[in-house]
Amino acid sequence: MMNELYVLGELMEGSKSGYGLRKSMELSLGRHRKISFGVVYPLLDKLAAANYIELADSDDAKRTKMATITEAGTKHFLELMQAPVPDGAHTEDIYQIKLDAMQHLTLPEQLSQLDLYIEEQAAAIADAKTQIADLQARVAKDHWYAAQKMQLRLQQAQVARDWAENFQTILTKGVDFKTYD
């Protein structure tokens, strides 16, 4: 779901090459994430076979294939945006992709996406607080270090929640896209 959602979301902006999609995905997911062409090109073939994208040769000398989203691909993208985010190793990545691509949704849908993200962060905050309390119940060096790490998780979730709440406020008031304030 994650890679498919990302690619379709990027193609909502316009046609892109596999190289361009790979590069933008690495930038979006963070500096330590490396996406191989062995992931990108089979995914493009799969999306083309499902009629979600069209692949066409570009005009450049490199014979690059350009991917363009189809009407069916747009519909599928919107379905993926509304689909629940599964719990797992890529939960945060999927939320980040949805937050990045939600500009293609209506305002109520965007606010709903932010509500879901806030709920996810609230659950992370509650989990971290419970784990910190459990660790602090027994005095031990390893528990102290583990509690410090959980404090980091707690603060990250609090910052993410606060950011999402602020983003909702900005969207609700109306956005001036000419500024980044």
N, C-alpha and C. Protein backbone atom coordinates (compact mmCIF):
# COMPACT_ATOMS: atom_id res chain seq x y z
N MET A 1 0.82 -1.20 0.00
CA MET A 1 0.00 0.00 0.00
C MET A 1 0.86 1.26 0.00
N MET A 2 1.93 1.25 0.79
CA MET A 2 2.73 2.45 0.99
C MET A 2 3.32 2.96 -0.33
N ASN A 3 4.02 2.11 -1.05
CA ASN A 3 4.68 2.55 -2.28
C ASN A 3 3.66 2.93 -3.35
N GLU A 4 2.58 2.16 -3.44
CA GLU A 4 1.52 2.43 -4.41
C GLU A 4 0.90 3.80 -4.13
N LEU A 5 0.59 4.05 -2.88
CA LEU A 5 0.00 5.33 -2.49
C LEU A 5 0.95 6.48 -2.82
N TYR A 6 2.23 6.30 -2.51
CA TYR A 6 3.19 7.36 -2.77
C TYR A 6 3.28 7.67 -4.27
N VAL A 7 3.44 6.61 -5.08
CA VAL A 7 3.61 6.81 -6.53
C VAL A 7 2.37 7.48 -7.12
N LEU A 8 1.19 6.99 -6.78
CA LEU A 8 -0.02 7.60 -7.33
C LEU A 8 -0.17 9.04 -6.85
N GLY A 9 0.17 9.30 -5.60
CA GLY A 9 0.11 10.67 -5.09
C GLY A 9 1.05 11.60 -5.82
N GLU A 10 2.24 11.13 -6.10
CA GLU A 10 3.20 11.96 -6.85
C GLU A 10 2.72 12.20 -8.27
N LEU A 11 2.13 11.19 -8.87
CA LEU A 11 1.65 11.34 -10.25
C LEU A 11 0.42 12.23 -10.34
N MET A 12 -0.26 12.46 -9.22
CA MET A 12 -1.36 13.43 -9.21
C MET A 12 -0.83 14.83 -9.53
N GLU A 13 0.47 15.04 -9.29
CA GLU A 13 1.11 16.34 -9.56
C GLU A 13 1.52 16.48 -11.02
N GLY A 14 1.69 15.36 -11.71
CA GLY A 14 2.13 15.38 -13.10
C GLY A 14 2.97 14.16 -13.41
N SER A 15 3.29 13.97 -14.66
CA SER A 15 4.06 12.80 -15.11
C SER A 15 5.47 12.83 -14.52
N LYS A 16 5.98 11.64 -14.23
CA LYS A 16 7.33 11.52 -13.68
C LYS A 16 7.97 10.24 -14.19
N SER A 17 9.29 10.24 -14.19
CA SER A 17 10.05 9.04 -14.54
C SER A 17 10.21 8.17 -13.30
N GLY A 18 10.60 6.93 -13.51
CA GLY A 18 10.88 6.05 -12.38
C GLY A 18 11.99 6.62 -11.52
N TYR A 19 13.02 7.18 -12.15
CA TYR A 19 14.12 7.79 -11.41
C TYR A 19 13.61 8.95 -10.56
N GLY A 20 12.77 9.80 -11.14
CA GLY A 20 12.22 10.94 -10.40
C GLY A 20 11.36 10.50 -9.23
N LEU A 21 10.58 9.44 -9.44
CA LEU A 21 9.74 8.92 -8.35
C LEU A 21 10.60 8.36 -7.23
N ARG A 22 11.63 7.61 -7.59
CA ARG A 22 12.53 7.03 -6.59
C ARG A 22 13.19 8.13 -5.77
N LYS A 23 13.70 9.14 -6.44
CA LYS A 23 14.40 10.24 -5.77
C LYS A 23 13.45 10.99 -4.82
N SER A 24 12.26 11.31 -5.30
CA SER A 24 11.33 12.06 -4.45
C SER A 24 10.85 11.22 -3.27
N MET A 25 10.71 9.91 -3.47
CA MET A 25 10.28 9.04 -2.37
C MET A 25 11.35 8.99 -1.28
N GLU A 26 12.61 8.90 -1.70
CA GLU A 26 13.70 8.90 -0.71
C GLU A 26 13.71 10.21 0.07
N LEU A 27 13.50 11.32 -0.61
CA LEU A 27 13.47 12.62 0.07
C LEU A 27 12.29 12.71 1.03
N SER A 28 11.16 12.21 0.60
CA SER A 28 9.95 12.29 1.42
C SER A 28 10.03 11.43 2.67
N LEU A 29 10.60 10.24 2.55
CA LEU A 29 10.62 9.30 3.68
C LEU A 29 11.81 9.50 4.61
N GLY A 30 12.76 10.30 4.21
CA GLY A 30 13.87 10.59 5.12
C GLY A 30 15.21 10.19 4.56
N ARG A 31 16.23 10.78 5.11
CA ARG A 31 17.57 10.66 4.54
C ARG A 31 18.18 9.27 4.63
N HIS A 32 17.66 8.43 5.48
CA HIS A 32 18.23 7.09 5.61
C HIS A 32 17.47 6.05 4.80
N ARG A 33 16.41 6.45 4.14
CA ARG A 33 15.61 5.51 3.36
C ARG A 33 16.13 5.44 1.94
N LYS A 34 16.46 4.26 1.52
CA LYS A 34 16.91 4.04 0.16
C LYS A 34 15.88 3.15 -0.54
N ILE A 35 15.40 3.60 -1.67
CA ILE A 35 14.41 2.87 -2.46
C ILE A 35 15.12 2.37 -3.71
N SER A 36 15.08 1.07 -3.94
CA SER A 36 15.79 0.51 -5.09
C SER A 36 14.92 0.57 -6.35
N PHE A 37 15.59 0.57 -7.49
CA PHE A 37 14.87 0.50 -8.75
C PHE A 37 14.16 -0.84 -8.87
N GLY A 38 14.65 -1.85 -8.14
CA GLY A 38 14.00 -3.16 -8.10
C GLY A 38 12.64 -3.12 -7.41
N VAL A 39 12.36 -2.04 -6.71
CA VAL A 39 11.04 -1.82 -6.12
C VAL A 39 10.20 -0.93 -7.05
N VAL A 40 10.82 0.13 -7.56
CA VAL A 40 10.09 1.14 -8.33
C VAL A 40 9.56 0.59 -9.66
N TYR A 41 10.43 -0.01 -10.47
CA TYR A 41 10.00 -0.41 -11.81
C TYR A 41 9.00 -1.55 -11.82
N PRO A 42 9.14 -2.58 -10.98
CA PRO A 42 8.06 -3.58 -10.93
C PRO A 42 6.72 -2.98 -10.46
N LEU A 43 6.78 -2.01 -9.56
CA LEU A 43 5.56 -1.35 -9.11
C LEU A 43 4.92 -0.58 -10.27
N LEU A 44 5.73 0.12 -11.04
CA LEU A 44 5.19 0.85 -12.19
C LEU A 44 4.54 -0.12 -13.18
N ASP A 45 5.19 -1.25 -13.42
CA ASP A 45 4.61 -2.27 -14.31
C ASP A 45 3.28 -2.78 -13.76
N LYS A 46 3.22 -3.02 -12.46
CA LYS A 46 1.99 -3.50 -11.82
C LYS A 46 0.88 -2.46 -11.94
N LEU A 47 1.21 -1.20 -11.70
CA LEU A 47 0.21 -0.13 -11.80
C LEU A 47 -0.26 0.06 -13.24
N ALA A 48 0.66 -0.10 -14.20
CA ALA A 48 0.28 -0.01 -15.61
C ALA A 48 -0.63 -1.17 -16.00
N ALA A 49 -0.32 -2.37 -15.52
CA ALA A 49 -1.15 -3.55 -15.82
C ALA A 49 -2.56 -3.39 -15.25
N ALA A 50 -2.68 -2.69 -14.14
CA ALA A 50 -3.99 -2.45 -13.52
C ALA A 50 -4.70 -1.23 -14.14
N ASN A 51 -4.07 -0.60 -15.11
CA ASN A 51 -4.60 0.58 -15.78
C ASN A 51 -4.69 1.80 -14.85
N TYR A 52 -3.84 1.83 -13.81
CA TYR A 52 -3.79 2.99 -12.92
C TYR A 52 -2.85 4.06 -13.44
N ILE A 53 -1.89 3.65 -14.27
CA ILE A 53 -0.96 4.59 -14.89
C ILE A 53 -0.73 4.18 -16.34
N GLU A 54 -0.22 5.12 -17.11
CA GLU A 54 0.25 4.83 -18.47
C GLU A 54 1.74 5.10 -18.49
N LEU A 55 2.48 4.23 -19.15
CA LEU A 55 3.92 4.41 -19.32
C LEU A 55 4.18 4.74 -20.78
N ALA A 56 4.92 5.81 -21.01
CA ALA A 56 5.22 6.23 -22.38
C ALA A 56 6.68 6.66 -22.45
N ASP A 57 7.28 6.45 -23.61
CA ASP A 57 8.66 6.89 -23.81
C ASP A 57 8.70 8.40 -23.83
N SER A 58 9.73 8.95 -23.19
CA SER A 58 9.89 10.41 -23.19
C SER A 58 10.63 10.83 -24.46
N ASP A 59 10.75 12.11 -24.62
CA ASP A 59 11.41 12.66 -25.81
C ASP A 59 12.92 12.77 -25.64
N ASP A 60 13.45 12.44 -24.47
CA ASP A 60 14.88 12.64 -24.24
C ASP A 60 15.70 11.51 -24.86
N ALA A 61 16.99 11.74 -24.95
CA ALA A 61 17.90 10.77 -25.57
C ALA A 61 18.10 9.53 -24.70
N LYS A 62 17.76 9.60 -23.43
CA LYS A 62 17.97 8.48 -22.52
C LYS A 62 16.88 7.41 -22.66
N ARG A 63 15.87 7.67 -23.45
CA ARG A 63 14.74 6.75 -23.64
C ARG A 63 14.05 6.42 -22.31
N THR A 64 13.88 7.44 -21.53
CA THR A 64 13.23 7.32 -20.23
C THR A 64 11.74 7.07 -20.42
N LYS A 65 11.19 6.22 -19.59
CA LYS A 65 9.74 6.01 -19.58
C LYS A 65 9.14 6.98 -18.57
N MET A 66 8.07 7.62 -18.99
CA MET A 66 7.36 8.55 -18.12
C MET A 66 6.04 7.92 -17.70
N ALA A 67 5.72 8.04 -16.42
CA ALA A 67 4.47 7.51 -15.88
C ALA A 67 3.48 8.65 -15.73
N THR A 68 2.25 8.39 -16.13
CA THR A 68 1.16 9.35 -16.01
C THR A 68 -0.04 8.64 -15.40
N ILE A 69 -0.67 9.27 -14.43
CA ILE A 69 -1.83 8.65 -13.78
C ILE A 69 -3.04 8.70 -14.71
N THR A 70 -3.86 7.66 -14.64
CA THR A 70 -5.09 7.59 -15.43
C THR A 70 -6.28 7.96 -14.54
N GLU A 71 -7.45 8.03 -15.15
CA GLU A 71 -8.66 8.29 -14.37
C GLU A 71 -8.88 7.17 -13.34
N ALA A 72 -8.64 5.93 -13.76
CA ALA A 72 -8.77 4.80 -12.82
C ALA A 72 -7.74 4.92 -11.71
N GLY A 73 -6.54 5.41 -12.04
CA GLY A 73 -5.50 5.60 -11.04
C GLY A 73 -5.86 6.68 -10.04
N THR A 74 -6.48 7.75 -10.52
CA THR A 74 -6.93 8.81 -9.62
C THR A 74 -7.98 8.27 -8.65
N LYS A 75 -8.91 7.49 -9.18
CA LYS A 75 -9.95 6.89 -8.33
C LYS A 75 -9.31 5.97 -7.29
N HIS A 76 -8.35 5.16 -7.72
CA HIS A 76 -7.68 4.24 -6.79
C HIS A 76 -6.88 5.01 -5.74
N PHE A 77 -6.22 6.08 -6.16
CA PHE A 77 -5.48 6.92 -5.21
C PHE A 77 -6.42 7.45 -4.13
N LEU A 78 -7.57 7.96 -4.53
CA LEU A 78 -8.53 8.50 -3.55
C LEU A 78 -9.05 7.41 -2.62
N GLU A 79 -9.22 6.19 -3.14
CA GLU A 79 -9.63 5.06 -2.29
C GLU A 79 -8.53 4.74 -1.27
N LEU A 80 -7.28 4.74 -1.72
CA LEU A 80 -6.16 4.47 -0.80
C LEU A 80 -6.05 5.54 0.27
N MET A 81 -6.33 6.78 -0.11
CA MET A 81 -6.27 7.87 0.86
C MET A 81 -7.33 7.69 1.95
N GLN A 82 -8.46 7.08 1.61
CA GLN A 82 -9.53 6.87 2.58
C GLN A 82 -9.38 5.56 3.35
N ALA A 83 -8.52 4.68 2.87
CA ALA A 83 -8.34 3.37 3.52
C ALA A 83 -7.66 3.55 4.88
N PRO A 84 -8.03 2.72 5.86
CA PRO A 84 -7.36 2.79 7.16
C PRO A 84 -5.86 2.48 7.03
N VAL A 85 -5.08 3.11 7.86
CA VAL A 85 -3.64 2.85 7.88
C VAL A 85 -3.41 1.60 8.72
N PRO A 86 -2.80 0.57 8.12
CA PRO A 86 -2.59 -0.66 8.89
C PRO A 86 -1.50 -0.47 9.95
N ASP A 87 -1.65 -1.18 11.06
CA ASP A 87 -0.60 -1.18 12.07
C ASP A 87 0.55 -2.04 11.56
N GLY A 88 1.76 -1.55 11.74
CA GLY A 88 2.92 -2.31 11.31
C GLY A 88 4.14 -1.43 11.23
N ALA A 89 5.17 -1.99 10.64
CA ALA A 89 6.45 -1.29 10.56
C ALA A 89 6.39 -0.01 9.74
N HIS A 90 5.43 0.10 8.82
CA HIS A 90 5.37 1.27 7.94
C HIS A 90 4.22 2.22 8.28
N THR A 91 3.63 2.06 9.45
CA THR A 91 2.48 2.89 9.83
C THR A 91 2.83 4.38 9.73
N GLU A 92 3.92 4.79 10.33
CA GLU A 92 4.29 6.21 10.32
C GLU A 92 4.59 6.68 8.90
N ASP A 93 5.26 5.84 8.10
CA ASP A 93 5.55 6.21 6.71
C ASP A 93 4.25 6.45 5.93
N ILE A 94 3.27 5.59 6.12
CA ILE A 94 2.00 5.74 5.40
C ILE A 94 1.30 7.03 5.83
N TYR A 95 1.32 7.32 7.13
CA TYR A 95 0.74 8.59 7.58
C TYR A 95 1.47 9.77 6.94
N GLN A 96 2.79 9.71 6.88
CA GLN A 96 3.56 10.80 6.28
C GLN A 96 3.19 10.98 4.81
N ILE A 97 3.02 9.88 4.09
CA ILE A 97 2.64 9.95 2.68
C ILE A 97 1.25 10.56 2.55
N LYS A 98 0.32 10.11 3.39
CA LYS A 98 -1.05 10.65 3.33
C LYS A 98 -1.05 12.15 3.65
N LEU A 99 -0.27 12.55 4.64
CA LEU A 99 -0.22 13.97 4.99
C LEU A 99 0.36 14.79 3.84
N ASP A 100 1.32 14.23 3.13
CA ASP A 100 1.94 14.91 2.01
C ASP A 100 1.00 15.01 0.81
N ALA A 101 0.16 14.01 0.63
CA ALA A 101 -0.70 13.94 -0.56
C ALA A 101 -2.13 14.41 -0.31
N MET A 102 -2.44 14.83 0.90
CA MET A 102 -3.84 15.14 1.20
C MET A 102 -4.34 16.43 0.55
N GLN A 103 -3.45 17.15 -0.10
CA GLN A 103 -3.88 18.35 -0.82
C GLN A 103 -4.88 18.03 -1.93
N HIS A 104 -4.95 16.77 -2.33
CA HIS A 104 -5.87 16.35 -3.39
C HIS A 104 -7.24 15.96 -2.84
N LEU A 105 -7.44 16.13 -1.55
CA LEU A 105 -8.71 15.80 -0.90
C LEU A 105 -9.49 17.07 -0.61
N THR A 106 -10.77 16.91 -0.33
CA THR A 106 -11.57 18.06 0.10
C THR A 106 -11.11 18.48 1.50
N LEU A 107 -11.47 19.69 1.90
CA LEU A 107 -11.09 20.16 3.23
C LEU A 107 -11.61 19.24 4.33
N PRO A 108 -12.88 18.81 4.31
CA PRO A 108 -13.32 17.88 5.36
C PRO A 108 -12.52 16.57 5.37
N GLU A 109 -12.15 16.09 4.20
CA GLU A 109 -11.34 14.87 4.14
C GLU A 109 -9.93 15.11 4.70
N GLN A 110 -9.37 16.28 4.44
CA GLN A 110 -8.06 16.62 4.99
C GLN A 110 -8.12 16.68 6.51
N LEU A 111 -9.15 17.32 7.03
CA LEU A 111 -9.31 17.41 8.48
C LEU A 111 -9.50 16.04 9.10
N SER A 112 -10.20 15.17 8.40
CA SER A 112 -10.38 13.79 8.87
C SER A 112 -9.05 13.04 8.91
N GLN A 113 -8.22 13.23 7.88
CA GLN A 113 -6.89 12.60 7.87
C GLN A 113 -6.07 13.08 9.07
N LEU A 114 -6.14 14.36 9.34
CA LEU A 114 -5.42 14.90 10.50
C LEU A 114 -5.98 14.37 11.80
N ASP A 115 -7.30 14.20 11.89
CA ASP A 115 -7.91 13.59 13.09
C ASP A 115 -7.34 12.20 13.33
N LEU A 116 -7.24 11.42 12.26
CA LEU A 116 -6.72 10.05 12.39
C LEU A 116 -5.26 10.07 12.86
N TYR A 117 -4.49 11.01 12.32
CA TYR A 117 -3.09 11.13 12.72
C TYR A 117 -2.99 11.56 14.19
N ILE A 118 -3.85 12.46 14.61
CA ILE A 118 -3.87 12.90 16.01
C ILE A 118 -4.22 11.72 16.91
N GLU A 119 -5.19 10.91 16.51
CA GLU A 119 -5.54 9.71 17.28
C GLU A 119 -4.36 8.75 17.38
N GLU A 120 -3.64 8.58 16.29
CA GLU A 120 -2.46 7.71 16.30
C GLU A 120 -1.42 8.24 17.28
N GLN A 121 -1.21 9.55 17.29
CA GLN A 121 -0.24 10.14 18.20
C GLN A 121 -0.71 10.04 19.65
N ALA A 122 -2.01 10.21 19.87
CA ALA A 122 -2.56 10.07 21.23
C ALA A 122 -2.33 8.66 21.76
N ALA A 123 -2.49 7.67 20.89
CA ALA A 123 -2.24 6.28 21.30
C ALA A 123 -0.76 6.08 21.61
N ALA A 124 0.11 6.68 20.81
CA ALA A 124 1.56 6.57 21.05
C ALA A 124 1.93 7.25 22.37
N ILE A 125 1.30 8.38 22.66
CA ILE A 125 1.55 9.09 23.92
C ILE A 125 1.11 8.23 25.10
N ALA A 126 -0.07 7.66 25.01
CA ALA A 126 -0.57 6.81 26.10
C ALA A 126 0.33 5.59 26.30
N ASP A 127 0.75 4.96 25.20
CA ASP A 127 1.64 3.80 25.30
C ASP A 127 2.96 4.18 25.97
N ALA A 128 3.53 5.31 25.54
CA ALA A 128 4.82 5.74 26.09
C ALA A 128 4.70 6.04 27.59
N LYS A 129 3.62 6.70 27.98
CA LYS A 129 3.43 7.01 29.41
C LYS A 129 3.29 5.73 30.23
N THR A 130 2.57 4.76 29.72
CA THR A 130 2.41 3.48 30.42
C THR A 130 3.75 2.78 30.55
N GLN A 131 4.51 2.75 29.47
CA GLN A 131 5.81 2.07 29.50
C GLN A 131 6.78 2.79 30.44
N ILE A 132 6.75 4.10 30.44
CA ILE A 132 7.63 4.86 31.35
C ILE A 132 7.27 4.53 32.80
N ALA A 133 6.00 4.53 33.11
CA ALA A 133 5.56 4.21 34.49
C ALA A 133 5.99 2.80 34.87
N ASP A 134 5.83 1.84 33.97
CA ASP A 134 6.24 0.46 34.24
C ASP A 134 7.75 0.37 34.48
N LEU A 135 8.52 1.10 33.68
CA LEU A 135 9.97 1.07 33.83
C LEU A 135 10.41 1.73 35.13
N GLN A 136 9.74 2.80 35.51
CA GLN A 136 10.12 3.52 36.72
C GLN A 136 9.69 2.80 38.00
N ALA A 137 8.84 1.81 37.86
CA ALA A 137 8.37 1.06 39.04
C ALA A 137 9.47 0.18 39.62
N ARG A 138 10.48 -0.11 38.84
CA ARG A 138 11.58 -0.94 39.32
C ARG A 138 12.89 -0.21 39.04
N VAL A 139 13.65 0.05 40.08
CA VAL A 139 14.91 0.78 39.94
C VAL A 139 15.97 -0.17 39.41
N ALA A 140 16.43 0.13 38.22
CA ALA A 140 17.52 -0.63 37.61
C ALA A 140 18.12 0.24 36.51
N LYS A 141 19.41 0.08 36.30
CA LYS A 141 20.11 0.91 35.32
C LYS A 141 19.49 0.75 33.93
N ASP A 142 19.22 -0.48 33.50
CA ASP A 142 18.67 -0.68 32.16
C ASP A 142 17.26 -0.10 32.04
N HIS A 143 16.50 -0.11 33.12
CA HIS A 143 15.16 0.49 33.10
C HIS A 143 15.25 2.01 32.98
N TRP A 144 16.25 2.59 33.64
CA TRP A 144 16.43 4.04 33.56
C TRP A 144 16.73 4.45 32.11
N TYR A 145 17.65 3.71 31.46
CA TYR A 145 17.99 4.03 30.07
C TYR A 145 16.79 3.81 29.14
N ALA A 146 16.07 2.74 29.36
CA ALA A 146 14.88 2.47 28.54
C ALA A 146 13.83 3.56 28.74
N ALA A 147 13.69 4.05 29.97
CA ALA A 147 12.73 5.12 30.25
C ALA A 147 13.14 6.41 29.54
N GLN A 148 14.44 6.66 29.45
CA GLN A 148 14.91 7.85 28.74
C GLN A 148 14.54 7.76 27.26
N LYS A 149 14.71 6.60 26.68
CA LYS A 149 14.34 6.41 25.28
C LYS A 149 12.83 6.57 25.09
N MET A 150 12.06 6.08 26.04
CA MET A 150 10.60 6.22 25.96
C MET A 150 10.19 7.69 26.11
N GLN A 151 10.98 8.46 26.88
CA GLN A 151 10.72 9.90 26.98
C GLN A 151 10.86 10.56 25.60
N LEU A 152 11.86 10.12 24.84
CA LEU A 152 12.04 10.63 23.49
C LEU A 152 10.81 10.31 22.64
N ARG A 153 10.36 9.06 22.67
CA ARG A 153 9.15 8.68 21.92
C ARG A 153 7.95 9.51 22.34
N LEU A 154 7.82 9.71 23.63
CA LEU A 154 6.70 10.50 24.16
C LEU A 154 6.75 11.92 23.59
N GLN A 155 7.92 12.55 23.65
CA GLN A 155 8.04 13.92 23.16
C GLN A 155 7.83 14.01 21.65
N GLN A 156 8.31 13.01 20.90
CA GLN A 156 8.09 13.01 19.45
C GLN A 156 6.60 12.94 19.13
N ALA A 157 5.89 12.08 19.84
CA ALA A 157 4.44 11.93 19.61
C ALA A 157 3.70 13.21 20.01
N GLN A 158 4.14 13.85 21.09
CA GLN A 158 3.49 15.10 21.52
C GLN A 158 3.71 16.20 20.48
N VAL A 159 4.92 16.29 19.96
CA VAL A 159 5.22 17.30 18.93
C VAL A 159 4.39 17.02 17.67
N ALA A 160 4.31 15.76 17.26
CA ALA A 160 3.53 15.40 16.07
C ALA A 160 2.05 15.72 16.27
N ARG A 161 1.53 15.42 17.44
CA ARG A 161 0.12 15.72 17.74
C ARG A 161 -0.11 17.23 17.69
N ASP A 162 0.76 18.00 18.34
CA ASP A 162 0.62 19.45 18.37
C ASP A 162 0.70 20.03 16.95
N TRP A 163 1.62 19.50 16.15
CA TRP A 163 1.76 19.95 14.77
C TRP A 163 0.47 19.71 14.00
N ALA A 164 -0.11 18.52 14.13
CA ALA A 164 -1.34 18.17 13.41
C ALA A 164 -2.50 19.05 13.86
N GLU A 165 -2.60 19.31 15.15
CA GLU A 165 -3.67 20.19 15.65
C GLU A 165 -3.51 21.60 15.10
N ASN A 166 -2.27 22.09 15.05
CA ASN A 166 -2.00 23.41 14.48
C ASN A 166 -2.34 23.43 12.99
N PHE A 167 -1.98 22.37 12.28
CA PHE A 167 -2.28 22.27 10.86
C PHE A 167 -3.79 22.33 10.63
N GLN A 168 -4.56 21.65 11.46
CA GLN A 168 -6.02 21.70 11.35
C GLN A 168 -6.52 23.13 11.51
N THR A 169 -5.97 23.84 12.48
CA THR A 169 -6.37 25.23 12.72
C THR A 169 -6.08 26.09 11.50
N ILE A 170 -4.90 25.92 10.94
CA ILE A 170 -4.51 26.70 9.75
C ILE A 170 -5.45 26.40 8.59
N LEU A 171 -5.72 25.11 8.34
CA LEU A 171 -6.61 24.74 7.24
C LEU A 171 -8.01 25.28 7.44
N THR A 172 -8.49 25.25 8.67
CA THR A 172 -9.84 25.70 8.98
C THR A 172 -9.98 27.21 8.77
N LYS A 173 -8.93 27.95 9.10
CA LYS A 173 -8.95 29.41 8.94
C LYS A 173 -8.81 29.83 7.48
N GLY A 174 -8.29 28.95 6.66
CA GLY A 174 -8.02 29.29 5.27
C GLY A 174 -6.53 29.49 5.09
N VAL A 175 -6.03 29.01 3.99
CA VAL A 175 -4.59 29.00 3.77
C VAL A 175 -4.22 29.98 2.67
N ASP A 176 -3.17 30.76 2.93
CA ASP A 176 -2.57 31.60 1.89
C ASP A 176 -1.38 30.83 1.36
N PHE A 177 -1.53 30.24 0.19
CA PHE A 177 -0.48 29.38 -0.35
C PHE A 177 0.73 30.16 -0.86
N LYS A 178 0.69 31.48 -0.76
CA LYS A 178 1.82 32.28 -1.20
C LYS A 178 2.87 32.42 -0.12
N THR A 179 2.50 32.03 1.12
CA THR A 179 3.45 32.12 2.22
C THR A 179 3.60 30.75 2.86
N TYR A 180 4.63 30.58 3.62
CA TYR A 180 4.87 29.32 4.33
C TYR A 180 4.67 29.49 5.82
N ASP A 181 3.98 30.53 6.23
CA ASP A 181 3.73 30.78 7.66
C ASP A 181 2.54 29.98 8.13
